[in-house]
Amino acid sequence: MPRGKLTFRQRDVAAAIKAAKLAGCEVTGVTVDRDGKIKVQLTSSKEKPIQTSCANEWDEVLKSK
């Protein structure tokens, strides 16, 4: 018996969780419906600072110009 069409991939769920964590939220749950729509339940985590960028040596060079 054939499986049927895949509506989502595990990497899609992992990417959604990773994006939520980078946004400073805490993931409390994930649900996927039959159509493949991924819903991530979140709570705000105010204790953790949100890292928006990474500094490197070129930042100082470009600021001076």
N, C-alpha and C. Protein backbone atom coordinates (compact mmCIF):
# COMPACT_ATOMS: atom_id res chain seq x y z
N MET A 1 0.84 -1.18 0.00
CA MET A 1 0.00 0.00 0.00
C MET A 1 0.89 1.24 0.00
N PRO A 2 0.69 2.17 -0.93
CA PRO A 2 1.51 3.37 -0.98
C PRO A 2 1.24 4.29 0.21
N ARG A 3 2.26 5.03 0.56
CA ARG A 3 2.18 5.91 1.72
C ARG A 3 1.33 7.14 1.49
N GLY A 4 1.38 7.71 0.35
CA GLY A 4 0.68 8.97 0.09
C GLY A 4 1.69 10.11 0.01
N LYS A 5 1.19 11.27 -0.35
CA LYS A 5 2.05 12.43 -0.52
C LYS A 5 2.53 12.96 0.83
N LEU A 6 3.80 13.28 0.91
CA LEU A 6 4.34 13.90 2.12
C LEU A 6 3.95 15.36 2.15
N THR A 7 3.43 15.80 3.29
CA THR A 7 2.98 17.18 3.39
C THR A 7 3.97 18.05 4.14
N PHE A 8 4.89 17.46 4.89
CA PHE A 8 5.92 18.22 5.57
C PHE A 8 7.14 17.34 5.77
N ARG A 9 8.24 17.97 6.09
CA ARG A 9 9.48 17.24 6.37
C ARG A 9 9.95 17.57 7.77
N GLN A 10 10.71 16.68 8.34
CA GLN A 10 11.23 16.90 9.69
C GLN A 10 12.10 18.16 9.73
N ARG A 11 12.84 18.42 8.66
CA ARG A 11 13.69 19.61 8.64
C ARG A 11 12.87 20.90 8.63
N ASP A 12 11.64 20.87 8.11
CA ASP A 12 10.76 22.04 8.17
C ASP A 12 10.38 22.35 9.61
N VAL A 13 10.07 21.32 10.37
CA VAL A 13 9.73 21.49 11.79
C VAL A 13 10.95 21.98 12.55
N ALA A 14 12.11 21.38 12.27
CA ALA A 14 13.35 21.79 12.96
C ALA A 14 13.69 23.25 12.65
N ALA A 15 13.47 23.68 11.42
CA ALA A 15 13.75 25.07 11.04
C ALA A 15 12.81 26.03 11.76
N ALA A 16 11.55 25.65 11.90
CA ALA A 16 10.58 26.50 12.60
C ALA A 16 10.95 26.63 14.07
N ILE A 17 11.38 25.55 14.70
CA ILE A 17 11.79 25.58 16.10
C ILE A 17 13.04 26.43 16.27
N LYS A 18 13.99 26.27 15.38
CA LYS A 18 15.24 27.03 15.46
C LYS A 18 14.97 28.53 15.30
N ALA A 19 14.10 28.89 14.37
CA ALA A 19 13.77 30.30 14.15
C ALA A 19 13.09 30.90 15.38
N ALA A 20 12.22 30.13 16.01
CA ALA A 20 11.54 30.63 17.21
C ALA A 20 12.53 30.85 18.35
N LYS A 21 13.48 29.94 18.50
CA LYS A 21 14.48 30.08 19.56
C LYS A 21 15.40 31.27 19.30
N LEU A 22 15.76 31.49 18.04
CA LEU A 22 16.59 32.65 17.70
C LEU A 22 15.85 33.96 17.93
N ALA A 23 14.53 33.93 17.85
CA ALA A 23 13.72 35.11 18.09
C ALA A 23 13.53 35.38 19.57
N GLY A 24 14.05 34.50 20.42
CA GLY A 24 13.97 34.70 21.86
C GLY A 24 12.76 34.08 22.51
N CYS A 25 12.07 33.20 21.81
CA CYS A 25 10.89 32.56 22.35
C CYS A 25 11.23 31.14 22.79
N GLU A 26 10.41 30.64 23.70
CA GLU A 26 10.58 29.28 24.18
C GLU A 26 9.47 28.44 23.54
N VAL A 27 9.83 27.34 22.93
CA VAL A 27 8.88 26.48 22.24
C VAL A 27 8.24 25.55 23.27
N THR A 28 6.90 25.57 23.33
CA THR A 28 6.20 24.70 24.26
C THR A 28 5.51 23.54 23.56
N GLY A 29 5.38 23.61 22.23
CA GLY A 29 4.76 22.52 21.50
C GLY A 29 4.73 22.78 20.01
N VAL A 30 4.57 21.70 19.26
CA VAL A 30 4.48 21.79 17.80
C VAL A 30 3.38 20.85 17.35
N THR A 31 2.53 21.34 16.44
CA THR A 31 1.51 20.48 15.84
C THR A 31 1.58 20.64 14.33
N VAL A 32 1.29 19.54 13.63
CA VAL A 32 1.25 19.55 12.17
C VAL A 32 -0.09 18.97 11.76
N ASP A 33 -0.88 19.72 10.96
CA ASP A 33 -2.17 19.21 10.53
C ASP A 33 -2.02 18.36 9.27
N ARG A 34 -3.11 17.83 8.79
CA ARG A 34 -3.08 16.93 7.63
C ARG A 34 -2.58 17.60 6.35
N ASP A 35 -2.75 18.92 6.26
CA ASP A 35 -2.29 19.66 5.08
C ASP A 35 -0.81 20.00 5.15
N GLY A 36 -0.17 19.72 6.27
CA GLY A 36 1.25 20.03 6.42
C GLY A 36 1.52 21.38 7.05
N LYS A 37 0.48 22.04 7.53
CA LYS A 37 0.65 23.34 8.18
C LYS A 37 1.25 23.12 9.56
N ILE A 38 2.38 23.78 9.80
CA ILE A 38 3.10 23.63 11.06
C ILE A 38 2.73 24.77 11.99
N LYS A 39 2.30 24.43 13.20
CA LYS A 39 1.97 25.43 14.21
C LYS A 39 2.89 25.21 15.40
N VAL A 40 3.57 26.29 15.79
CA VAL A 40 4.51 26.23 16.91
C VAL A 40 3.92 27.05 18.05
N GLN A 41 3.75 26.40 19.21
CA GLN A 41 3.25 27.10 20.39
C GLN A 41 4.45 27.69 21.13
N LEU A 42 4.34 28.98 21.47
CA LEU A 42 5.48 29.70 22.04
C LEU A 42 5.12 30.38 23.35
N THR A 43 6.16 30.62 24.14
CA THR A 43 6.07 31.54 25.27
C THR A 43 7.27 32.46 25.16
N SER A 44 7.10 33.68 25.59
CA SER A 44 8.19 34.64 25.52
C SER A 44 9.20 34.34 26.61
N SER A 45 10.46 34.33 26.26
CA SER A 45 11.53 34.09 27.22
C SER A 45 12.31 35.38 27.38
N LYS A 46 11.99 36.16 28.39
CA LYS A 46 12.61 37.47 28.56
C LYS A 46 13.96 37.39 29.25
N GLU A 47 14.29 36.25 29.83
CA GLU A 47 15.58 36.12 30.50
C GLU A 47 16.73 36.07 29.51
N LYS A 48 16.48 35.53 28.33
CA LYS A 48 17.54 35.35 27.35
C LYS A 48 17.59 36.55 26.40
N PRO A 49 18.74 37.17 26.23
CA PRO A 49 18.83 38.26 25.26
C PRO A 49 18.78 37.72 23.83
N ILE A 50 18.20 38.51 22.95
CA ILE A 50 18.12 38.12 21.55
C ILE A 50 19.38 38.58 20.84
N GLN A 51 20.05 37.65 20.20
CA GLN A 51 21.25 37.99 19.44
C GLN A 51 20.82 38.32 18.02
N THR A 52 20.99 39.58 17.64
CA THR A 52 20.53 39.99 16.31
C THR A 52 21.64 40.00 15.28
N SER A 53 22.87 40.14 15.71
CA SER A 53 23.96 40.14 14.73
C SER A 53 25.24 39.67 15.40
N CYS A 54 26.17 39.29 14.58
CA CYS A 54 27.48 38.88 15.06
C CYS A 54 28.51 39.89 14.57
N ALA A 55 29.30 40.37 15.47
CA ALA A 55 30.33 41.35 15.09
C ALA A 55 31.54 40.62 14.50
N ASN A 56 32.19 41.29 13.57
CA ASN A 56 33.45 40.77 13.04
C ASN A 56 34.39 41.94 12.76
N GLU A 57 35.59 41.66 12.32
CA GLU A 57 36.60 42.70 12.14
C GLU A 57 36.23 43.72 11.06
N TRP A 58 35.39 43.35 10.11
CA TRP A 58 35.02 44.26 9.04
C TRP A 58 34.01 45.32 9.49
N ASP A 59 33.33 45.11 10.59
CA ASP A 59 32.41 46.12 11.10
C ASP A 59 33.14 47.42 11.42
N GLU A 60 34.27 47.34 12.07
CA GLU A 60 35.05 48.53 12.42
C GLU A 60 35.63 49.21 11.17
N VAL A 61 36.04 48.42 10.19
CA VAL A 61 36.59 48.97 8.96
C VAL A 61 35.52 49.75 8.21
N LEU A 62 34.32 49.19 8.11
CA LEU A 62 33.26 49.84 7.36
C LEU A 62 32.69 51.05 8.11
N LYS A 63 32.73 51.05 9.43
CA LYS A 63 32.25 52.21 10.20
C LYS A 63 33.15 53.42 10.00
N SER A 64 34.44 53.18 9.82
CA SER A 64 35.39 54.28 9.70
C SER A 64 35.31 54.98 8.35
N LYS A 65 34.68 54.38 7.37
CA LYS A 65 34.62 54.99 6.02
C LYS A 65 33.43 55.89 5.86
